[in-house]
Amino acid sequence: MAIVSFSRKFIFIKTRKTAGTSVQKTLLPYCDGSDIVTREWTDIRTGKRCIVEEFASIEDIESNFPVDSRQYFTFGFTRNPYALTLSRFLYQIKMNRIPGPPSMEYFNRWVGNVYFTGEPGFPRGRYIKDRSRLLLFDRNYKPRVDFIGKFETLDEDFFKITDRLGLDNAELVHVNKSNNGNIDYHDWFDSRSIYLVQKHFDFELEYFNYSF
């Protein structure tokens, strides 16, 4: 969930499959009643749930709340697109959103026929916001947040964030932890899937110096 903390002057932009729920759960105890945690926040004036979605951009937040992001410390996380793509596939099976069991053949068919092509009701693709440039960068591909951490250096980068915020005792909790630690994404991709990731995550691969 995105977090807008008026009390501590920070905005956390949650990106998909980058341990965002763990970051959110760790930071939540440091928020007070005036702060906004999307999907968990209720406006005490109206009793209505937060109108901003879980994976909200800076623009979404500024359009719906009296927030000038330039006055806040803003941050989010990114991840190697190859690992992210496989993680997304395995998570969808875990949540029973697509049928299992997982297999390499099924994964590569899903990448080519679903992940990058869209589904009925999702003309841009259900998974379009897996691309961190849509949440952490503006239309000119300039960063819209002050700090972008990497999933691969999650603990180290989260420490930099909590140090910046003065949260000396914050220790990252791990929720929704997968059992896929022994799965190597290199073993799963065929040549077409590698090409599709290169095509659709071209900006992330170049900007963050990621590769297969």
N, C-alpha and C. Protein backbone atom coordinates (compact mmCIF):
# COMPACT_ATOMS: atom_id res chain seq x y z
N MET A 1 0.84 -1.19 0.00
CA MET A 1 0.00 0.00 0.00
C MET A 1 0.87 1.24 0.00
N ALA A 2 0.50 2.22 -0.76
CA ALA A 2 1.20 3.49 -0.68
C ALA A 2 0.93 4.11 0.69
N ILE A 3 1.90 4.86 1.21
CA ILE A 3 1.75 5.54 2.49
C ILE A 3 2.06 7.01 2.29
N VAL A 4 1.20 7.86 2.81
CA VAL A 4 1.47 9.28 2.89
C VAL A 4 1.49 9.65 4.36
N SER A 5 2.66 9.91 4.88
CA SER A 5 2.80 10.23 6.30
C SER A 5 2.97 11.73 6.47
N PHE A 6 1.88 12.39 6.90
CA PHE A 6 1.96 13.81 7.20
C PHE A 6 2.81 14.05 8.44
N SER A 7 2.75 13.10 9.37
CA SER A 7 3.44 13.28 10.65
C SER A 7 4.96 13.18 10.50
N ARG A 8 5.43 12.30 9.62
CA ARG A 8 6.87 12.12 9.45
C ARG A 8 7.37 12.60 8.09
N LYS A 9 6.47 13.16 7.30
CA LYS A 9 6.83 13.80 6.03
C LYS A 9 7.52 12.84 5.06
N PHE A 10 6.88 11.70 4.83
CA PHE A 10 7.40 10.81 3.79
C PHE A 10 6.25 10.23 2.99
N ILE A 11 6.56 9.84 1.76
CA ILE A 11 5.62 9.14 0.90
C ILE A 11 6.30 7.87 0.39
N PHE A 12 5.66 6.75 0.63
CA PHE A 12 6.15 5.47 0.14
C PHE A 12 5.27 5.04 -1.02
N ILE A 13 5.89 4.84 -2.19
CA ILE A 13 5.18 4.36 -3.37
C ILE A 13 5.40 2.85 -3.47
N LYS A 14 4.34 2.10 -3.35
CA LYS A 14 4.45 0.65 -3.40
C LYS A 14 4.47 0.17 -4.85
N THR A 15 5.47 -0.63 -5.18
CA THR A 15 5.56 -1.26 -6.48
C THR A 15 5.37 -2.76 -6.32
N ARG A 16 5.05 -3.41 -7.42
CA ARG A 16 4.64 -4.81 -7.34
C ARG A 16 5.83 -5.76 -7.29
N LYS A 17 5.68 -6.79 -6.43
CA LYS A 17 6.66 -7.87 -6.30
C LYS A 17 8.03 -7.36 -5.90
N THR A 18 8.07 -6.35 -5.02
CA THR A 18 9.34 -5.80 -4.53
C THR A 18 9.36 -5.73 -3.01
N ALA A 19 8.63 -6.62 -2.35
CA ALA A 19 8.53 -6.64 -0.88
C ALA A 19 7.83 -5.40 -0.35
N GLY A 20 6.96 -4.82 -1.15
CA GLY A 20 6.26 -3.61 -0.73
C GLY A 20 5.38 -3.81 0.48
N THR A 21 4.74 -4.97 0.60
CA THR A 21 3.90 -5.22 1.77
C THR A 21 4.74 -5.30 3.04
N SER A 22 5.93 -5.86 2.94
CA SER A 22 6.83 -5.92 4.09
C SER A 22 7.24 -4.51 4.53
N VAL A 23 7.57 -3.68 3.56
CA VAL A 23 7.94 -2.29 3.87
C VAL A 23 6.77 -1.57 4.50
N GLN A 24 5.59 -1.74 3.93
CA GLN A 24 4.41 -1.07 4.45
C GLN A 24 4.10 -1.51 5.88
N LYS A 25 4.17 -2.81 6.15
CA LYS A 25 3.87 -3.32 7.49
C LYS A 25 4.89 -2.82 8.51
N THR A 26 6.13 -2.67 8.07
CA THR A 26 7.17 -2.19 8.99
C THR A 26 6.97 -0.72 9.34
N LEU A 27 6.53 0.06 8.35
CA LEU A 27 6.38 1.50 8.57
C LEU A 27 5.06 1.86 9.23
N LEU A 28 4.07 0.99 9.11
CA LEU A 28 2.74 1.31 9.62
C LEU A 28 2.72 1.72 11.09
N PRO A 29 3.46 1.04 11.99
CA PRO A 29 3.41 1.45 13.40
C PRO A 29 3.93 2.86 13.66
N TYR A 30 4.67 3.42 12.73
CA TYR A 30 5.23 4.76 12.91
C TYR A 30 4.29 5.84 12.35
N CYS A 31 3.16 5.42 11.82
CA CYS A 31 2.17 6.37 11.32
C CYS A 31 1.14 6.67 12.40
N ASP A 32 0.51 7.83 12.29
CA ASP A 32 -0.54 8.15 13.24
C ASP A 32 -1.88 8.26 12.51
N GLY A 33 -2.90 8.68 13.23
CA GLY A 33 -4.25 8.67 12.69
C GLY A 33 -4.49 9.61 11.54
N SER A 34 -3.63 10.58 11.36
CA SER A 34 -3.81 11.52 10.25
C SER A 34 -3.15 11.04 8.97
N ASP A 35 -2.32 10.02 9.07
CA ASP A 35 -1.60 9.55 7.90
C ASP A 35 -2.48 8.66 7.03
N ILE A 36 -2.08 8.51 5.78
CA ILE A 36 -2.87 7.75 4.81
C ILE A 36 -2.12 6.49 4.43
N VAL A 37 -2.79 5.37 4.60
CA VAL A 37 -2.27 4.10 4.12
C VAL A 37 -3.34 3.55 3.18
N THR A 38 -3.08 3.56 1.89
CA THR A 38 -4.12 3.21 0.93
C THR A 38 -4.66 1.82 1.20
N ARG A 39 -5.96 1.68 1.02
CA ARG A 39 -6.73 0.46 1.24
C ARG A 39 -6.88 0.11 2.72
N GLU A 40 -6.20 0.82 3.62
CA GLU A 40 -6.41 0.61 5.04
C GLU A 40 -6.85 1.91 5.72
N TRP A 41 -7.02 2.95 4.92
CA TRP A 41 -7.30 4.27 5.47
C TRP A 41 -8.75 4.65 5.24
N THR A 42 -9.40 5.19 6.26
CA THR A 42 -10.76 5.69 6.16
C THR A 42 -10.76 7.17 6.53
N ASP A 43 -11.35 7.98 5.68
CA ASP A 43 -11.44 9.41 5.93
C ASP A 43 -12.44 9.64 7.07
N ILE A 44 -11.96 10.15 8.19
CA ILE A 44 -12.83 10.32 9.36
C ILE A 44 -13.92 11.36 9.11
N ARG A 45 -13.73 12.21 8.10
CA ARG A 45 -14.74 13.22 7.80
C ARG A 45 -15.93 12.64 7.06
N THR A 46 -15.67 11.65 6.20
CA THR A 46 -16.73 11.10 5.37
C THR A 46 -17.03 9.63 5.66
N GLY A 47 -16.11 8.96 6.35
CA GLY A 47 -16.28 7.55 6.60
C GLY A 47 -16.00 6.68 5.40
N LYS A 48 -15.51 7.26 4.31
CA LYS A 48 -15.25 6.52 3.08
C LYS A 48 -13.82 5.98 3.06
N ARG A 49 -13.67 4.84 2.40
CA ARG A 49 -12.36 4.25 2.25
C ARG A 49 -11.51 5.08 1.30
N CYS A 50 -10.21 4.86 1.35
CA CYS A 50 -9.27 5.62 0.53
C CYS A 50 -9.61 5.48 -0.95
N ILE A 51 -9.60 6.60 -1.66
CA ILE A 51 -9.96 6.60 -3.07
C ILE A 51 -8.75 6.32 -3.96
N VAL A 52 -7.58 6.22 -3.37
CA VAL A 52 -6.37 5.96 -4.14
C VAL A 52 -6.05 4.47 -4.05
N GLU A 53 -5.70 3.87 -5.19
CA GLU A 53 -5.46 2.44 -5.20
C GLU A 53 -4.14 2.07 -4.52
N GLU A 54 -3.98 0.79 -4.29
CA GLU A 54 -2.82 0.27 -3.58
C GLU A 54 -1.51 0.66 -4.26
N PHE A 55 -1.47 0.56 -5.58
CA PHE A 55 -0.26 0.90 -6.32
C PHE A 55 -0.45 2.26 -6.97
N ALA A 56 -0.42 3.28 -6.13
CA ALA A 56 -0.66 4.65 -6.57
C ALA A 56 0.65 5.34 -6.90
N SER A 57 0.60 6.22 -7.87
CA SER A 57 1.77 7.01 -8.23
C SER A 57 1.76 8.33 -7.45
N ILE A 58 2.85 9.05 -7.54
CA ILE A 58 2.90 10.39 -6.93
C ILE A 58 1.78 11.26 -7.49
N GLU A 59 1.55 11.16 -8.81
CA GLU A 59 0.50 11.96 -9.44
C GLU A 59 -0.87 11.61 -8.89
N ASP A 60 -1.12 10.30 -8.67
CA ASP A 60 -2.40 9.87 -8.09
C ASP A 60 -2.61 10.50 -6.72
N ILE A 61 -1.57 10.48 -5.92
CA ILE A 61 -1.67 11.00 -4.55
C ILE A 61 -1.87 12.51 -4.56
N GLU A 62 -1.10 13.22 -5.36
CA GLU A 62 -1.22 14.68 -5.40
C GLU A 62 -2.56 15.12 -5.98
N SER A 63 -3.16 14.28 -6.83
CA SER A 63 -4.44 14.64 -7.43
C SER A 63 -5.60 14.47 -6.45
N ASN A 64 -5.41 13.67 -5.42
CA ASN A 64 -6.52 13.34 -4.53
C ASN A 64 -6.37 13.87 -3.11
N PHE A 65 -5.16 14.33 -2.76
CA PHE A 65 -4.93 14.80 -1.40
C PHE A 65 -4.12 16.10 -1.44
N PRO A 66 -4.24 16.92 -0.41
CA PRO A 66 -3.50 18.18 -0.37
C PRO A 66 -2.03 17.94 -0.05
N VAL A 67 -1.32 17.37 -1.00
CA VAL A 67 0.07 16.98 -0.80
C VAL A 67 0.94 17.59 -1.88
N ASP A 68 2.03 18.21 -1.46
CA ASP A 68 3.07 18.66 -2.38
C ASP A 68 4.26 17.75 -2.12
N SER A 69 4.49 16.81 -3.02
CA SER A 69 5.51 15.79 -2.78
C SER A 69 6.90 16.37 -2.63
N ARG A 70 7.11 17.58 -3.10
CA ARG A 70 8.43 18.21 -2.96
C ARG A 70 8.77 18.49 -1.50
N GLN A 71 7.76 18.50 -0.66
CA GLN A 71 7.97 18.75 0.77
C GLN A 71 8.14 17.47 1.57
N TYR A 72 8.19 16.33 0.87
CA TYR A 72 8.26 15.03 1.52
C TYR A 72 9.48 14.26 1.02
N PHE A 73 9.94 13.31 1.85
CA PHE A 73 10.92 12.34 1.38
C PHE A 73 10.15 11.21 0.73
N THR A 74 10.40 10.98 -0.55
CA THR A 74 9.63 10.01 -1.33
C THR A 74 10.53 8.85 -1.75
N PHE A 75 9.97 7.64 -1.77
CA PHE A 75 10.81 6.48 -2.10
C PHE A 75 9.96 5.31 -2.55
N GLY A 76 10.60 4.36 -3.22
CA GLY A 76 9.98 3.13 -3.66
C GLY A 76 11.07 2.14 -4.03
N PHE A 77 10.68 0.97 -4.51
CA PHE A 77 11.64 -0.08 -4.83
C PHE A 77 11.42 -0.62 -6.23
N THR A 78 12.48 -1.20 -6.79
CA THR A 78 12.41 -1.85 -8.08
C THR A 78 13.05 -3.23 -7.97
N ARG A 79 13.02 -3.99 -9.09
CA ARG A 79 13.53 -5.36 -9.05
C ARG A 79 13.94 -5.79 -10.46
N ASN A 80 14.89 -6.71 -10.53
CA ASN A 80 15.28 -7.26 -11.82
C ASN A 80 14.04 -7.78 -12.54
N PRO A 81 13.74 -7.28 -13.73
CA PRO A 81 12.50 -7.67 -14.42
C PRO A 81 12.37 -9.16 -14.69
N TYR A 82 13.47 -9.86 -14.87
CA TYR A 82 13.38 -11.31 -15.11
C TYR A 82 12.90 -12.03 -13.86
N ALA A 83 13.49 -11.68 -12.72
CA ALA A 83 13.06 -12.28 -11.46
C ALA A 83 11.64 -11.85 -11.12
N LEU A 84 11.30 -10.60 -11.41
CA LEU A 84 9.96 -10.10 -11.13
C LEU A 84 8.91 -10.86 -11.94
N THR A 85 9.20 -11.11 -13.21
CA THR A 85 8.24 -11.79 -14.07
C THR A 85 7.95 -13.20 -13.57
N LEU A 86 8.98 -13.93 -13.19
CA LEU A 86 8.77 -15.27 -12.66
C LEU A 86 8.05 -15.21 -11.32
N SER A 87 8.42 -14.25 -10.48
CA SER A 87 7.76 -14.10 -9.18
C SER A 87 6.28 -13.81 -9.36
N ARG A 88 5.94 -12.97 -10.33
CA ARG A 88 4.54 -12.66 -10.61
C ARG A 88 3.78 -13.93 -11.01
N PHE A 89 4.36 -14.72 -11.87
CA PHE A 89 3.73 -15.96 -12.33
C PHE A 89 3.48 -16.92 -11.16
N LEU A 90 4.48 -17.14 -10.35
CA LEU A 90 4.34 -18.07 -9.23
C LEU A 90 3.34 -17.55 -8.20
N TYR A 91 3.31 -16.24 -8.01
CA TYR A 91 2.37 -15.65 -7.05
C TYR A 91 0.94 -15.79 -7.54
N GLN A 92 0.72 -15.62 -8.86
CA GLN A 92 -0.63 -15.77 -9.39
C GLN A 92 -1.15 -17.19 -9.19
N ILE A 93 -0.27 -18.16 -9.31
CA ILE A 93 -0.68 -19.55 -9.05
C ILE A 93 -0.96 -19.75 -7.56
N LYS A 94 -0.09 -19.20 -6.72
CA LYS A 94 -0.28 -19.32 -5.27
C LYS A 94 -1.62 -18.75 -4.84
N MET A 95 -2.05 -17.67 -5.47
CA MET A 95 -3.30 -17.00 -5.12
C MET A 95 -4.50 -17.57 -5.88
N ASN A 96 -4.26 -18.64 -6.65
CA ASN A 96 -5.32 -19.29 -7.43
C ASN A 96 -5.94 -18.37 -8.47
N ARG A 97 -5.15 -17.43 -8.96
CA ARG A 97 -5.63 -16.53 -10.01
C ARG A 97 -5.40 -17.10 -11.39
N ILE A 98 -4.44 -17.99 -11.50
CA ILE A 98 -4.25 -18.78 -12.70
C ILE A 98 -4.04 -20.22 -12.24
N PRO A 99 -4.38 -21.19 -13.08
CA PRO A 99 -4.29 -22.58 -12.64
C PRO A 99 -2.85 -23.06 -12.54
N GLY A 100 -2.60 -23.96 -11.64
CA GLY A 100 -1.30 -24.60 -11.51
C GLY A 100 -1.36 -26.01 -12.02
N PRO A 101 -0.33 -26.78 -11.79
CA PRO A 101 0.92 -26.39 -11.11
C PRO A 101 1.85 -25.66 -12.05
N PRO A 102 2.85 -24.96 -11.51
CA PRO A 102 3.80 -24.25 -12.37
C PRO A 102 4.71 -25.20 -13.11
N SER A 103 5.02 -24.83 -14.32
CA SER A 103 6.01 -25.56 -15.11
C SER A 103 6.69 -24.55 -16.03
N MET A 104 7.85 -24.89 -16.51
CA MET A 104 8.58 -23.97 -17.38
C MET A 104 7.84 -23.75 -18.69
N GLU A 105 7.26 -24.81 -19.22
CA GLU A 105 6.50 -24.66 -20.47
C GLU A 105 5.30 -23.74 -20.27
N TYR A 106 4.57 -23.97 -19.19
CA TYR A 106 3.40 -23.13 -18.88
C TYR A 106 3.83 -21.69 -18.64
N PHE A 107 4.93 -21.48 -17.93
CA PHE A 107 5.42 -20.13 -17.65
C PHE A 107 5.70 -19.37 -18.94
N ASN A 108 6.42 -19.97 -19.86
CA ASN A 108 6.77 -19.27 -21.09
C ASN A 108 5.55 -19.02 -21.97
N ARG A 109 4.60 -19.93 -21.94
CA ARG A 109 3.35 -19.69 -22.67
C ARG A 109 2.58 -18.52 -22.06
N TRP A 110 2.56 -18.45 -20.73
CA TRP A 110 1.88 -17.36 -20.01
C TRP A 110 2.56 -16.02 -20.29
N VAL A 111 3.89 -15.99 -20.29
CA VAL A 111 4.61 -14.75 -20.56
C VAL A 111 4.23 -14.22 -21.94
N GLY A 112 4.21 -15.09 -22.95
CA GLY A 112 3.95 -14.64 -24.30
C GLY A 112 2.50 -14.36 -24.61
N ASN A 113 1.58 -15.07 -23.95
CA ASN A 113 0.16 -14.96 -24.31
C ASN A 113 -0.70 -14.19 -23.32
N VAL A 114 -0.17 -13.91 -22.15
CA VAL A 114 -0.96 -13.23 -21.12
C VAL A 114 -0.21 -12.03 -20.54
N TYR A 115 0.97 -12.26 -20.02
CA TYR A 115 1.65 -11.23 -19.22
C TYR A 115 1.87 -9.94 -19.99
N PHE A 116 2.27 -10.03 -21.24
CA PHE A 116 2.56 -8.83 -22.02
C PHE A 116 1.51 -8.50 -23.06
N THR A 117 0.47 -9.31 -23.16
CA THR A 117 -0.53 -9.07 -24.20
C THR A 117 -1.86 -8.61 -23.64
N GLY A 118 -2.11 -8.81 -22.36
CA GLY A 118 -3.36 -8.39 -21.77
C GLY A 118 -4.41 -9.49 -21.79
N GLU A 119 -5.53 -9.19 -21.16
CA GLU A 119 -6.64 -10.13 -21.05
C GLU A 119 -7.93 -9.36 -21.26
N PRO A 120 -9.04 -10.05 -21.50
CA PRO A 120 -10.33 -9.35 -21.61
C PRO A 120 -10.59 -8.48 -20.39
N GLY A 121 -10.93 -7.23 -20.63
CA GLY A 121 -11.16 -6.30 -19.54
C GLY A 121 -9.93 -5.55 -19.10
N PHE A 122 -8.77 -5.93 -19.63
CA PHE A 122 -7.51 -5.27 -19.29
C PHE A 122 -6.76 -4.96 -20.59
N PRO A 123 -7.24 -3.96 -21.35
CA PRO A 123 -6.67 -3.71 -22.68
C PRO A 123 -5.19 -3.33 -22.65
N ARG A 124 -4.71 -2.75 -21.59
CA ARG A 124 -3.29 -2.40 -21.49
C ARG A 124 -2.49 -3.52 -20.84
N GLY A 125 -3.20 -4.52 -20.38
CA GLY A 125 -2.54 -5.60 -19.67
C GLY A 125 -2.81 -5.51 -18.18
N ARG A 126 -3.18 -6.61 -17.60
CA ARG A 126 -3.45 -6.66 -16.16
C ARG A 126 -2.21 -6.29 -15.35
N TYR A 127 -1.05 -6.56 -15.91
CA TYR A 127 0.19 -6.44 -15.15
C TYR A 127 1.02 -5.23 -15.56
N ILE A 128 0.38 -4.25 -16.17
CA ILE A 128 1.12 -3.12 -16.73
C ILE A 128 1.94 -2.40 -15.66
N LYS A 129 1.41 -2.29 -14.46
CA LYS A 129 2.11 -1.55 -13.41
C LYS A 129 3.22 -2.34 -12.73
N ASP A 130 3.49 -3.54 -13.23
CA ASP A 130 4.70 -4.22 -12.77
C ASP A 130 5.93 -3.45 -13.22
N ARG A 131 5.78 -2.60 -14.22
CA ARG A 131 6.89 -1.81 -14.74
C ARG A 131 7.06 -0.56 -13.87
N SER A 132 8.13 -0.54 -13.12
CA SER A 132 8.30 0.49 -12.09
C SER A 132 8.37 1.89 -12.67
N ARG A 133 8.69 2.01 -13.95
CA ARG A 133 8.76 3.35 -14.53
C ARG A 133 7.40 4.05 -14.51
N LEU A 134 6.32 3.28 -14.46
CA LEU A 134 4.99 3.88 -14.46
C LEU A 134 4.62 4.43 -13.10
N LEU A 135 5.32 4.02 -12.06
CA LEU A 135 5.02 4.50 -10.71
C LEU A 135 6.10 5.41 -10.14
N LEU A 136 7.34 5.19 -10.53
CA LEU A 136 8.45 5.91 -9.90
C LEU A 136 9.06 6.98 -10.79
N PHE A 137 8.58 7.09 -12.04
CA PHE A 137 9.14 8.05 -12.98
C PHE A 137 8.02 8.86 -13.63
N ASP A 138 8.38 10.04 -14.14
CA ASP A 138 7.38 10.84 -14.85
C ASP A 138 7.37 10.48 -16.33
N ARG A 139 6.60 11.22 -17.10
CA ARG A 139 6.44 10.90 -18.51
C ARG A 139 7.72 11.11 -19.31
N ASN A 140 8.63 11.89 -18.77
CA ASN A 140 9.91 12.13 -19.42
C ASN A 140 11.00 11.20 -18.89
N TYR A 141 10.57 10.19 -18.12
CA TYR A 141 11.48 9.19 -17.56
C TYR A 141 12.49 9.78 -16.58
N LYS A 142 12.03 10.79 -15.87
CA LYS A 142 12.81 11.35 -14.77
C LYS A 142 12.25 10.81 -13.46
N PRO A 143 13.11 10.48 -12.50
CA PRO A 143 12.59 9.94 -11.23
C PRO A 143 11.63 10.91 -10.56
N ARG A 144 10.51 10.36 -10.08
CA ARG A 144 9.54 11.18 -9.34
C ARG A 144 9.67 10.98 -7.84
N VAL A 145 10.62 10.15 -7.43
CA VAL A 145 10.86 9.94 -6.01
C VAL A 145 12.32 10.23 -5.70
N ASP A 146 12.58 10.50 -4.43
CA ASP A 146 13.94 10.88 -4.01
C ASP A 146 14.89 9.69 -3.95
N PHE A 147 14.35 8.51 -3.67
CA PHE A 147 15.21 7.34 -3.49
C PHE A 147 14.51 6.10 -4.05
N ILE A 148 15.23 5.35 -4.86
CA ILE A 148 14.72 4.08 -5.39
C ILE A 148 15.65 2.97 -4.92
N GLY A 149 15.13 2.11 -4.06
CA GLY A 149 15.90 0.97 -3.59
C GLY A 149 15.71 -0.23 -4.51
N LYS A 150 16.53 -1.22 -4.33
CA LYS A 150 16.45 -2.44 -5.12
C LYS A 150 16.06 -3.62 -4.24
N PHE A 151 15.20 -4.46 -4.77
CA PHE A 151 14.82 -5.68 -4.07
C PHE A 151 16.05 -6.52 -3.73
N GLU A 152 17.03 -6.50 -4.62
CA GLU A 152 18.23 -7.31 -4.44
C GLU A 152 19.09 -6.84 -3.27
N THR A 153 18.93 -5.60 -2.87
CA THR A 153 19.65 -5.05 -1.71
C THR A 153 18.64 -4.47 -0.73
N LEU A 154 17.56 -5.21 -0.53
CA LEU A 154 16.41 -4.72 0.22
C LEU A 154 16.77 -4.25 1.62
N ASP A 155 17.43 -5.08 2.41
CA ASP A 155 17.72 -4.72 3.79
C ASP A 155 18.63 -3.50 3.87
N GLU A 156 19.65 -3.48 3.03
CA GLU A 156 20.59 -2.36 3.03
C GLU A 156 19.89 -1.06 2.64
N ASP A 157 19.05 -1.11 1.61
CA ASP A 157 18.38 0.10 1.15
C ASP A 157 17.29 0.54 2.11
N PHE A 158 16.62 -0.43 2.74
CA PHE A 158 15.60 -0.06 3.72
C PHE A 158 16.25 0.62 4.93
N PHE A 159 17.43 0.18 5.30
CA PHE A 159 18.14 0.84 6.39
C PHE A 159 18.45 2.30 6.03
N LYS A 160 18.83 2.56 4.79
CA LYS A 160 19.09 3.93 4.35
C LYS A 160 17.83 4.79 4.50
N ILE A 161 16.70 4.19 4.19
CA ILE A 161 15.44 4.93 4.30
C ILE A 161 15.11 5.23 5.76
N THR A 162 15.17 4.22 6.62
CA THR A 162 14.83 4.44 8.02
C THR A 162 15.83 5.37 8.70
N ASP A 163 17.08 5.32 8.27
CA ASP A 163 18.07 6.25 8.80
C ASP A 163 17.72 7.67 8.41
N ARG A 164 17.28 7.86 7.18
CA ARG A 164 16.88 9.18 6.70
C ARG A 164 15.67 9.70 7.45
N LEU A 165 14.77 8.78 7.84
CA LEU A 165 13.55 9.17 8.54
C LEU A 165 13.72 9.22 10.05
N GLY A 166 14.88 8.80 10.54
CA GLY A 166 15.12 8.81 11.98
C GLY A 166 14.40 7.70 12.72
N LEU A 167 14.15 6.59 12.04
CA LEU A 167 13.48 5.44 12.66
C LEU A 167 14.54 4.42 13.06
N ASP A 168 15.21 4.70 14.15
CA ASP A 168 16.39 3.93 14.53
C ASP A 168 16.08 2.47 14.85
N ASN A 169 14.90 2.18 15.35
CA ASN A 169 14.59 0.83 15.80
C ASN A 169 13.75 0.02 14.80
N ALA A 170 13.56 0.55 13.61
CA ALA A 170 12.72 -0.14 12.62
C ALA A 170 13.49 -1.30 12.00
N GLU A 171 12.97 -2.50 12.16
CA GLU A 171 13.55 -3.67 11.54
C GLU A 171 12.55 -4.24 10.53
N LEU A 172 13.01 -4.47 9.34
CA LEU A 172 12.13 -4.90 8.27
C LEU A 172 11.51 -6.26 8.59
N VAL A 173 10.19 -6.29 8.60
CA VAL A 173 9.49 -7.56 8.78
C VAL A 173 9.25 -8.16 7.40
N HIS A 174 9.17 -9.48 7.34
CA HIS A 174 9.00 -10.15 6.06
C HIS A 174 7.64 -10.86 6.05
N VAL A 175 6.74 -10.35 5.21
CA VAL A 175 5.42 -10.95 5.05
C VAL A 175 5.26 -11.38 3.59
N ASN A 176 4.31 -12.27 3.35
CA ASN A 176 4.09 -12.83 2.01
C ASN A 176 5.37 -13.43 1.44
N LYS A 177 6.21 -13.93 2.32
CA LYS A 177 7.47 -14.49 1.86
C LYS A 177 7.20 -15.78 1.11
N SER A 178 7.79 -15.88 -0.09
CA SER A 178 7.54 -17.04 -0.93
C SER A 178 8.45 -18.19 -0.53
N ASN A 179 8.13 -19.36 -1.06
CA ASN A 179 8.97 -20.54 -0.87
C ASN A 179 9.81 -20.82 -2.11
N ASN A 180 10.09 -19.74 -2.86
CA ASN A 180 10.75 -19.90 -4.15
C ASN A 180 12.23 -19.55 -4.09
N GLY A 181 12.79 -19.56 -2.89
CA GLY A 181 14.17 -19.13 -2.74
C GLY A 181 15.17 -19.97 -3.50
N ASN A 182 14.84 -21.22 -3.75
CA ASN A 182 15.76 -22.10 -4.45
C ASN A 182 15.51 -22.15 -5.96
N ILE A 183 14.55 -21.37 -6.44
CA ILE A 183 14.24 -21.34 -7.86
C ILE A 183 15.09 -20.28 -8.55
N ASP A 184 15.82 -20.67 -9.56
CA ASP A 184 16.67 -19.76 -10.32
C ASP A 184 15.95 -19.38 -11.60
N TYR A 185 15.65 -18.09 -11.75
CA TYR A 185 14.88 -17.67 -12.92
C TYR A 185 15.60 -17.97 -14.23
N HIS A 186 16.93 -18.07 -14.20
CA HIS A 186 17.68 -18.36 -15.43
C HIS A 186 17.22 -19.67 -16.07
N ASP A 187 16.74 -20.59 -15.25
CA ASP A 187 16.36 -21.91 -15.75
C ASP A 187 14.97 -21.92 -16.40
N TRP A 188 14.21 -20.84 -16.25
CA TRP A 188 12.81 -20.85 -16.65
C TRP A 188 12.55 -20.21 -18.01
N PHE A 189 13.38 -19.30 -18.43
CA PHE A 189 13.09 -18.50 -19.61
C PHE A 189 13.55 -19.17 -20.90
N ASP A 190 12.67 -19.17 -21.91
CA ASP A 190 13.13 -19.52 -23.24
C ASP A 190 13.50 -18.23 -23.97
N SER A 191 13.99 -18.34 -25.17
CA SER A 191 14.52 -17.18 -25.89
C SER A 191 13.44 -16.14 -26.17
N ARG A 192 12.22 -16.59 -26.46
CA ARG A 192 11.14 -15.64 -26.73
C ARG A 192 10.78 -14.85 -25.48
N SER A 193 10.71 -15.50 -24.34
CA SER A 193 10.38 -14.80 -23.11
C SER A 193 11.47 -13.80 -22.73
N ILE A 194 12.72 -14.16 -22.94
CA ILE A 194 13.82 -13.22 -22.70
C ILE A 194 13.64 -11.99 -23.57
N TYR A 195 13.31 -12.20 -24.84
CA TYR A 195 13.10 -11.08 -25.75
C TYR A 195 11.95 -10.19 -25.29
N LEU A 196 10.86 -10.79 -24.85
CA LEU A 196 9.70 -10.01 -24.43
C LEU A 196 10.00 -9.16 -23.20
N VAL A 197 10.75 -9.71 -22.25
CA VAL A 197 11.16 -8.92 -21.09
C VAL A 197 12.06 -7.77 -21.53
N GLN A 198 13.00 -8.05 -22.42
CA GLN A 198 13.87 -6.99 -22.93
C GLN A 198 13.08 -5.89 -23.60
N LYS A 199 12.04 -6.25 -24.31
CA LYS A 199 11.22 -5.28 -25.04
C LYS A 199 10.37 -4.43 -24.10
N HIS A 200 9.70 -5.07 -23.17
CA HIS A 200 8.72 -4.36 -22.35
C HIS A 200 9.32 -3.73 -21.09
N PHE A 201 10.46 -4.24 -20.64
CA PHE A 201 11.14 -3.66 -19.49
C PHE A 201 12.45 -2.99 -19.92
N ASP A 202 12.50 -2.50 -21.15
CA ASP A 202 13.74 -1.95 -21.69
C ASP A 202 14.28 -0.81 -20.83
N PHE A 203 13.38 0.06 -20.38
CA PHE A 203 13.83 1.19 -19.57
C PHE A 203 14.42 0.73 -18.25
N GLU A 204 13.72 -0.15 -17.53
CA GLU A 204 14.21 -0.62 -16.24
C GLU A 204 15.55 -1.34 -16.37
N LEU A 205 15.69 -2.14 -17.41
CA LEU A 205 16.93 -2.88 -17.62
C LEU A 205 18.11 -1.93 -17.81
N GLU A 206 17.90 -0.90 -18.60
CA GLU A 206 18.99 0.04 -18.87
C GLU A 206 19.25 0.97 -17.69
N TYR A 207 18.19 1.54 -17.13
CA TYR A 207 18.35 2.54 -16.08
C TYR A 207 18.99 1.95 -14.83
N PHE A 208 18.57 0.75 -14.45
CA PHE A 208 19.07 0.15 -13.21
C PHE A 208 20.18 -0.87 -13.46
N ASN A 209 20.62 -0.96 -14.70
CA ASN A 209 21.72 -1.84 -15.07
C ASN A 209 21.42 -3.29 -14.72
N TYR A 210 20.20 -3.71 -15.02
CA TYR A 210 19.81 -5.10 -14.86
C TYR A 210 20.08 -5.86 -16.15
N SER A 211 20.24 -7.15 -16.03
CA SER A 211 20.42 -8.01 -17.21
C SER A 211 19.93 -9.41 -16.88
N PHE A 212 19.86 -10.24 -17.89
CA PHE A 212 19.46 -11.63 -17.67
C PHE A 212 20.53 -12.37 -16.91
